[in-house]
Amino acid sequence: MAGEILLEKKPEIASTEEDQGLFGNLGKKIRDLLEKFQELRAERDNLAAALEMERAKVMQLERKLKLLSQDREKVKTRIDQLLHRFGSIDA
């Protein structure tokens, strides 16, 4: 019969002490990896929250800088006007 796979013997279930030890080690490694994964996920979430807070601070500081720049320009214009008025008094 083409394409048919025949199994002459049944697969053996791993039950030796060595196999149990290997599965135990594998299970421990998987648990350790899952634990590390959870730690990294929590760290990522904390860093994402901190980044969002810093972005909000940057936006606030940019608005403040814009307002200070506008105030500076107003003061500069006012000083130029006053200097012009004093210049016209001397003439």
Protein backbone atom coordinates (compact mmCIF):
# COMPACT_ATOMS: atom_id res chain seq x y z
CA MET A 1 0.00 0.00 0.00
CA ALA A 2 1.63 3.18 -1.18
CA GLY A 3 1.84 6.06 1.26
CA GLU A 4 0.82 3.98 4.24
CA ILE A 5 2.99 3.87 7.33
CA LEU A 6 2.85 0.75 9.39
CA LEU A 7 3.99 0.66 12.98
CA GLU A 8 5.17 -2.74 13.98
CA LYS A 9 5.70 -1.85 17.59
CA LYS A 10 3.90 0.58 19.84
CA PRO A 11 5.80 3.66 20.99
CA GLU A 12 7.23 3.26 24.46
CA ILE A 13 6.27 5.70 27.16
CA ALA A 14 9.28 7.38 28.70
CA SER A 15 9.30 6.21 32.26
CA THR A 16 12.92 5.70 33.10
CA GLU A 17 14.50 7.77 35.84
CA GLU A 18 16.79 9.45 33.35
CA ASP A 19 13.85 10.50 31.18
CA GLN A 20 11.94 11.74 34.22
CA GLY A 21 15.00 13.76 35.23
CA LEU A 22 15.25 15.27 31.76
CA PHE A 23 11.57 16.20 31.76
CA GLY A 24 11.96 17.64 35.24
CA ASN A 25 14.88 19.78 34.07
CA LEU A 26 12.95 20.84 30.99
CA GLY A 27 9.95 21.76 33.14
CA LYS A 28 12.16 23.81 35.47
CA LYS A 29 13.75 25.63 32.53
CA ILE A 30 10.32 26.38 31.09
CA ARG A 31 9.10 27.72 34.45
CA ASP A 32 12.24 29.87 34.77
CA LEU A 33 11.76 31.21 31.24
CA LEU A 34 8.10 32.01 31.88
CA GLU A 35 9.03 33.76 35.11
CA LYS A 36 11.70 35.82 33.33
CA PHE A 37 9.20 36.58 30.55
CA GLN A 38 6.71 37.90 33.11
CA GLU A 39 9.43 40.03 34.73
CA LEU A 40 10.45 41.47 31.36
CA ARG A 41 6.83 42.16 30.45
CA ALA A 42 6.31 44.02 33.73
CA GLU A 43 9.53 45.98 33.17
CA ARG A 44 8.40 46.84 29.63
CA ASP A 45 5.04 48.07 30.94
CA ASN A 46 6.75 50.18 33.61
CA LEU A 47 9.12 51.68 31.03
CA ALA A 48 6.21 52.41 28.68
CA ALA A 49 4.38 54.23 31.49
CA ALA A 50 7.53 56.20 32.37
CA LEU A 51 8.03 57.09 28.70
CA GLU A 52 4.46 58.37 28.45
CA MET A 53 4.99 60.53 31.55
CA GLU A 54 8.20 61.95 30.06
CA ARG A 55 6.43 62.69 26.77
CA ALA A 56 3.75 64.59 28.68
CA LYS A 57 6.47 66.57 30.49
CA VAL A 58 8.18 67.38 27.17
CA MET A 59 4.91 68.64 25.71
CA GLN A 60 4.30 70.80 28.77
CA LEU A 61 7.84 72.22 28.61
CA GLU A 62 7.48 72.91 24.87
CA ARG A 63 4.27 74.89 25.56
CA LYS A 64 6.03 76.79 28.33
CA LEU A 65 9.00 77.53 26.05
CA LYS A 66 6.64 78.82 23.36
CA LEU A 67 4.93 81.14 25.85
CA LEU A 68 8.27 82.38 27.17
CA SER A 69 9.48 83.02 23.63
CA GLN A 70 6.33 85.00 22.87
CA ASP A 71 6.79 87.01 26.08
CA ARG A 72 10.43 87.66 25.14
CA GLU A 73 9.40 88.95 21.73
CA LYS A 74 6.79 91.25 23.34
CA VAL A 75 9.40 92.62 25.76
CA LYS A 76 11.90 93.09 22.92
CA THR A 77 9.31 94.94 20.84
CA ARG A 78 8.38 97.15 23.80
CA ILE A 79 12.05 97.98 24.49
CA ASP A 80 12.61 98.80 20.80
CA GLN A 81 9.59 101.13 20.91
CA LEU A 82 10.89 102.86 24.02
CA LEU A 83 14.37 103.25 22.54
CA HIS A 84 12.85 104.71 19.39
CA ARG A 85 10.85 107.19 21.47
CA PHE A 86 13.99 108.21 23.39
CA GLY A 87 15.85 108.56 20.10
CA SER A 88 13.20 110.89 18.78
CA ILE A 89 13.41 113.06 21.93
CA ASP A 90 17.14 113.72 21.37
CA ALA A 91 16.58 114.81 17.80
